[in-house]
Amino acid sequence: MNPLTYSPRLVKALPPVHAHGRALKAYVMFADPERAGDLPKPEWLERHAASVLGGPPVEGDHPAGFLILHHGAEGTYLLVSQWYDADMLKHWVRGAAVAADGTTDFVPLAERDLIACVWELEIVKFERDAWVNTVLARGDTGQDSLDAYMETTFSGWV
């Protein structure tokens, strides 16, 4: 179990990831700031995001969302979120499973009811505000609104 203490974690925005017809803002988060140079390759993130999403958007899905790759104190996690039906968020949480040959897959957590930790929730909050300010405030999901959303990112400490 994690200790009952809080220390800030570093977050870096990465270039967007494209998976199954969606553009996802990408973030990497570090419990250990010494690992901050350990950035994933875009192709690696795209492959894993696609495995979580499973297929193309369905009715009501927006082609935009975000993901968080969190190198936590107790493991590595991948959270993938996609906007749905104007003002809702679909959200998947996976944990890294490293095979004997060194390859990584992201699998559902044993505790399936978990949605995010306190650090990840800061990014979710940021993304909520970005969606409201760039899409919902304009009242449309046209390309200009989606571009404004995709250009609104966070980097820093949470």
C-alpha atoms as a PDB file:
ATOM      1  CA  MET A   1       0.000   0.000   0.000  1.00  0.00           C
ATOM      2  CA  ASN A   2       1.044   3.587  -0.583  1.00  0.00           C
ATOM      3  CA  PRO A   3       2.133   5.723   2.371  1.00  0.00           C
ATOM      4  CA  LEU A   4      -0.283   8.333   3.670  1.00  0.00           C
ATOM      5  CA  THR A   5       1.884  11.225   2.480  1.00  0.00           C
ATOM      6  CA  TYR A   6       1.849  13.582  -0.480  1.00  0.00           C
ATOM      7  CA  SER A   7       4.792  14.774  -2.492  1.00  0.00           C
ATOM      8  CA  PRO A   8       4.416  16.496  -5.878  1.00  0.00           C
ATOM      9  CA  ARG A   9       4.948  14.567  -9.096  1.00  0.00           C
ATOM     10  CA  LEU A  10       6.294  15.853 -12.378  1.00  0.00           C
ATOM     11  CA  VAL A  11       4.045  15.795 -15.450  1.00  0.00           C
ATOM     12  CA  LYS A  12       5.205  16.327 -19.025  1.00  0.00           C
ATOM     13  CA  ALA A  13       2.927  16.873 -22.010  1.00  0.00           C
ATOM     14  CA  LEU A  14       3.911  14.808 -25.047  1.00  0.00           C
ATOM     15  CA  PRO A  15       2.816  15.090 -28.687  1.00  0.00           C
ATOM     16  CA  PRO A  16      -0.716  13.780 -29.327  1.00  0.00           C
ATOM     17  CA  VAL A  17      -1.209  10.068 -29.898  1.00  0.00           C
ATOM     18  CA  HIS A  18      -3.478   8.759 -32.663  1.00  0.00           C
ATOM     19  CA  ALA A  19      -5.334   5.502 -32.101  1.00  0.00           C
ATOM     20  CA  HIS A  20      -8.364   4.036 -33.899  1.00  0.00           C
ATOM     21  CA  GLY A  21      -9.480   7.364 -35.362  1.00  0.00           C
ATOM     22  CA  ARG A  22      -8.966   9.362 -32.169  1.00  0.00           C
ATOM     23  CA  ALA A  23      -6.464  12.051 -31.241  1.00  0.00           C
ATOM     24  CA  LEU A  24      -5.406  11.768 -27.610  1.00  0.00           C
ATOM     25  CA  LYS A  25      -3.372  14.326 -25.714  1.00  0.00           C
ATOM     26  CA  ALA A  26      -0.549  12.443 -24.026  1.00  0.00           C
ATOM     27  CA  TYR A  27       0.996  12.981 -20.613  1.00  0.00           C
ATOM     28  CA  VAL A  28       3.722  11.160 -18.740  1.00  0.00           C
ATOM     29  CA  MET A  29       3.928  11.435 -14.946  1.00  0.00           C
ATOM     30  CA  PHE A  30       6.792  10.503 -12.650  1.00  0.00           C
ATOM     31  CA  ALA A  31       6.804   9.573  -8.961  1.00  0.00           C
ATOM     32  CA  ASP A  32      10.598   9.715  -9.230  1.00  0.00           C
ATOM     33  CA  PRO A  33      11.650  12.932 -11.014  1.00  0.00           C
ATOM     34  CA  GLU A  34      15.045  11.329 -11.739  1.00  0.00           C
ATOM     35  CA  ARG A  35      13.206   9.267 -14.401  1.00  0.00           C
ATOM     36  CA  ALA A  36      11.909  12.401 -16.175  1.00  0.00           C
ATOM     37  CA  GLY A  37      14.137  11.714 -19.178  1.00  0.00           C
ATOM     38  CA  ASP A  38      12.487   8.303 -19.636  1.00  0.00           C
ATOM     39  CA  LEU A  39       9.964   9.378 -22.285  1.00  0.00           C
ATOM     40  CA  PRO A  40       8.029   6.789 -24.278  1.00  0.00           C
ATOM     41  CA  LYS A  41       8.277   6.595 -28.044  1.00  0.00           C
ATOM     42  CA  PRO A  42       5.089   7.800 -29.795  1.00  0.00           C
ATOM     43  CA  GLU A  43       4.632   4.439 -31.549  1.00  0.00           C
ATOM     44  CA  TRP A  44       4.774   2.619 -28.204  1.00  0.00           C
ATOM     45  CA  LEU A  45       2.093   4.894 -26.729  1.00  0.00           C
ATOM     46  CA  GLU A  46      -0.071   4.568 -29.843  1.00  0.00           C
ATOM     47  CA  ARG A  47       0.111   0.771 -29.731  1.00  0.00           C
ATOM     48  CA  HIS A  48      -0.865   0.631 -26.073  1.00  0.00           C
ATOM     49  CA  ALA A  49      -3.609   3.263 -26.394  1.00  0.00           C
ATOM     50  CA  ALA A  50      -5.068   1.304 -29.315  1.00  0.00           C
ATOM     51  CA  SER A  51      -5.027  -1.902 -27.264  1.00  0.00           C
ATOM     52  CA  VAL A  52      -6.997  -0.186 -24.491  1.00  0.00           C
ATOM     53  CA  LEU A  53      -9.521   1.435 -26.857  1.00  0.00           C
ATOM     54  CA  GLY A  54     -10.043  -1.784 -28.790  1.00  0.00           C
ATOM     55  CA  GLY A  55     -11.584  -0.294 -31.925  1.00  0.00           C
ATOM     56  CA  PRO A  56     -12.876   2.780 -33.714  1.00  0.00           C
ATOM     57  CA  PRO A  57     -15.230   5.313 -32.113  1.00  0.00           C
ATOM     58  CA  VAL A  58     -18.891   4.354 -31.772  1.00  0.00           C
ATOM     59  CA  GLU A  59     -21.955   6.590 -31.913  1.00  0.00           C
ATOM     60  CA  GLY A  60     -21.602   9.405 -29.386  1.00  0.00           C
ATOM     61  CA  ASP A  61     -17.803   9.160 -29.127  1.00  0.00           C
ATOM     62  CA  HIS A  62     -15.807  12.286 -29.859  1.00  0.00           C
ATOM     63  CA  PRO A  63     -12.512  11.788 -31.707  1.00  0.00           C
ATOM     64  CA  ALA A  64     -10.618  13.492 -28.869  1.00  0.00           C
ATOM     65  CA  GLY A  65      -9.395  12.584 -25.426  1.00  0.00           C
ATOM     66  CA  PHE A  66      -6.250  12.160 -23.385  1.00  0.00           C
ATOM     67  CA  LEU A  67      -4.015   9.573 -21.812  1.00  0.00           C
ATOM     68  CA  ILE A  68      -1.713   9.510 -18.807  1.00  0.00           C
ATOM     69  CA  LEU A  69       1.277   7.187 -18.550  1.00  0.00           C
ATOM     70  CA  HIS A  70       2.081   7.227 -14.841  1.00  0.00           C
ATOM     71  CA  HIS A  71       5.378   5.834 -13.590  1.00  0.00           C
ATOM     72  CA  GLY A  72       4.151   5.520 -10.017  1.00  0.00           C
ATOM     73  CA  ALA A  73       5.856   4.436  -6.824  1.00  0.00           C
ATOM     74  CA  GLU A  74       4.336   0.943  -7.001  1.00  0.00           C
ATOM     75  CA  GLY A  75       4.069   0.388 -10.750  1.00  0.00           C
ATOM     76  CA  THR A  76       3.339   1.891 -14.136  1.00  0.00           C
ATOM     77  CA  TYR A  77      -0.202   2.706 -15.163  1.00  0.00           C
ATOM     78  CA  LEU A  78      -1.915   3.795 -18.350  1.00  0.00           C
ATOM     79  CA  LEU A  79      -5.129   5.791 -18.146  1.00  0.00           C
ATOM     80  CA  VAL A  80      -7.001   6.438 -21.391  1.00  0.00           C
ATOM     81  CA  SER A  81      -9.950   8.838 -21.506  1.00  0.00           C
ATOM     82  CA  GLN A  82     -12.238   9.803 -24.377  1.00  0.00           C
ATOM     83  CA  TRP A  83     -14.929  12.450 -24.518  1.00  0.00           C
ATOM     84  CA  TYR A  84     -18.416  11.127 -25.140  1.00  0.00           C
ATOM     85  CA  ASP A  85     -21.837  12.679 -25.872  1.00  0.00           C
ATOM     86  CA  ALA A  86     -20.812  16.313 -25.405  1.00  0.00           C
ATOM     87  CA  ASP A  87     -20.056  16.359 -21.673  1.00  0.00           C
ATOM     88  CA  MET A  88     -19.157  12.867 -20.473  1.00  0.00           C
ATOM     89  CA  LEU A  89     -15.882  11.002 -20.213  1.00  0.00           C
ATOM     90  CA  LYS A  90     -15.162   7.344 -20.917  1.00  0.00           C
ATOM     91  CA  HIS A  91     -12.181   6.182 -18.880  1.00  0.00           C
ATOM     92  CA  TRP A  92     -10.014   3.051 -18.764  1.00  0.00           C
ATOM     93  CA  VAL A  93      -7.265   2.283 -16.231  1.00  0.00           C
ATOM     94  CA  ARG A  94      -4.636  -0.366 -16.900  1.00  0.00           C
ATOM     95  CA  GLY A  95      -1.523  -1.552 -15.108  1.00  0.00           C
ATOM     96  CA  ALA A  96       1.738  -2.590 -16.733  1.00  0.00           C
ATOM     97  CA  ALA A  97       2.501  -6.290 -16.917  1.00  0.00           C
ATOM     98  CA  VAL A  98       6.034  -7.077 -18.050  1.00  0.00           C
ATOM     99  CA  ALA A  99       6.522 -10.475 -19.695  1.00  0.00           C
ATOM    100  CA  ALA A 100       9.608 -12.672 -19.304  1.00  0.00           C
ATOM    101  CA  ASP A 101      10.908 -11.405 -22.671  1.00  0.00           C
ATOM    102  CA  GLY A 102      10.701  -7.792 -21.434  1.00  0.00           C
ATOM    103  CA  THR A 103       7.652  -6.736 -23.442  1.00  0.00           C
ATOM    104  CA  THR A 104       5.010  -4.677 -21.674  1.00  0.00           C
ATOM    105  CA  ASP A 105       1.260  -5.064 -21.888  1.00  0.00           C
ATOM    106  CA  PHE A 106      -1.332  -3.041 -20.014  1.00  0.00           C
ATOM    107  CA  VAL A 107      -3.977  -5.131 -18.304  1.00  0.00           C
ATOM    108  CA  PRO A 108      -7.055  -4.327 -16.204  1.00  0.00           C
ATOM    109  CA  LEU A 109      -6.287  -3.747 -12.542  1.00  0.00           C
ATOM    110  CA  ALA A 110      -7.262  -6.334  -9.944  1.00  0.00           C
ATOM    111  CA  GLU A 111      -9.234  -3.562  -8.213  1.00  0.00           C
ATOM    112  CA  ARG A 112     -11.462  -2.702 -11.176  1.00  0.00           C
ATOM    113  CA  ASP A 113     -13.345   0.098  -9.396  1.00  0.00           C
ATOM    114  CA  LEU A 114     -10.311   2.396  -9.215  1.00  0.00           C
ATOM    115  CA  ILE A 115     -10.452   5.417 -11.510  1.00  0.00           C
ATOM    116  CA  ALA A 116      -7.335   7.442 -10.662  1.00  0.00           C
ATOM    117  CA  CYS A 117      -4.940   8.490  -7.919  1.00  0.00           C
ATOM    118  CA  VAL A 118      -4.751  12.017  -6.476  1.00  0.00           C
ATOM    119  CA  TRP A 119      -1.992  13.021  -8.913  1.00  0.00           C
ATOM    120  CA  GLU A 120      -3.808  11.704 -11.980  1.00  0.00           C
ATOM    121  CA  LEU A 121      -6.987  13.440 -10.857  1.00  0.00           C
ATOM    122  CA  GLU A 122      -5.202  16.790 -11.246  1.00  0.00           C
ATOM    123  CA  ILE A 123      -4.708  16.038 -14.944  1.00  0.00           C
ATOM    124  CA  VAL A 124      -8.310  14.835 -15.269  1.00  0.00           C
ATOM    125  CA  LYS A 125      -9.430  18.136 -13.696  1.00  0.00           C
ATOM    126  CA  PHE A 126      -7.204  20.111 -16.071  1.00  0.00           C
ATOM    127  CA  GLU A 127      -8.654  18.204 -19.035  1.00  0.00           C
ATOM    128  CA  ARG A 128     -12.199  18.777 -17.799  1.00  0.00           C
ATOM    129  CA  ASP A 129     -11.548  22.516 -17.674  1.00  0.00           C
ATOM    130  CA  ALA A 130      -9.876  22.462 -21.101  1.00  0.00           C
ATOM    131  CA  TRP A 131     -12.887  20.638 -22.615  1.00  0.00           C
ATOM    132  CA  VAL A 132     -15.337  23.119 -21.058  1.00  0.00           C
ATOM    133  CA  ASN A 133     -13.327  26.170 -22.151  1.00  0.00           C
ATOM    134  CA  THR A 134     -12.476  25.090 -25.704  1.00  0.00           C
ATOM    135  CA  VAL A 135     -15.442  22.941 -26.790  1.00  0.00           C
ATOM    136  CA  LEU A 136     -18.483  23.338 -24.570  1.00  0.00           C
ATOM    137  CA  ALA A 137     -18.110  27.124 -24.231  1.00  0.00           C
ATOM    138  CA  ARG A 138     -18.175  27.354 -28.040  1.00  0.00           C
ATOM    139  CA  GLY A 139     -21.132  24.997 -28.294  1.00  0.00           C
ATOM    140  CA  ASP A 140     -19.688  22.854 -31.069  1.00  0.00           C
ATOM    141  CA  THR A 141     -17.209  20.122 -31.822  1.00  0.00           C
ATOM    142  CA  GLY A 142     -16.001  21.579 -35.103  1.00  0.00           C
ATOM    143  CA  GLN A 143     -12.359  21.349 -36.083  1.00  0.00           C
ATOM    144  CA  ASP A 144     -11.507  24.779 -34.618  1.00  0.00           C
ATOM    145  CA  SER A 145     -12.860  23.748 -31.204  1.00  0.00           C
ATOM    146  CA  LEU A 146     -11.124  20.374 -31.294  1.00  0.00           C
ATOM    147  CA  ASP A 147      -7.856  22.002 -32.377  1.00  0.00           C
ATOM    148  CA  ALA A 148      -8.114  24.480 -29.482  1.00  0.00           C
ATOM    149  CA  TYR A 149      -8.725  21.583 -27.092  1.00  0.00           C
ATOM    150  CA  MET A 150      -5.751  19.587 -28.411  1.00  0.00           C
ATOM    151  CA  GLU A 151      -3.478  22.635 -28.076  1.00  0.00           C
ATOM    152  CA  THR A 152      -4.381  23.160 -24.398  1.00  0.00           C
ATOM    153  CA  THR A 153      -1.951  21.026 -22.391  1.00  0.00           C
ATOM    154  CA  PHE A 154      -0.333  20.923 -18.974  1.00  0.00           C
ATOM    155  CA  SER A 155       3.289  20.408 -17.945  1.00  0.00           C
ATOM    156  CA  GLY A 156       4.558  20.927 -14.417  1.00  0.00           C
ATOM    157  CA  TRP A 157       4.158  19.606 -10.901  1.00  0.00           C
ATOM    158  CA  VAL A 158       0.953  18.230  -9.412  1.00  0.00           C
END
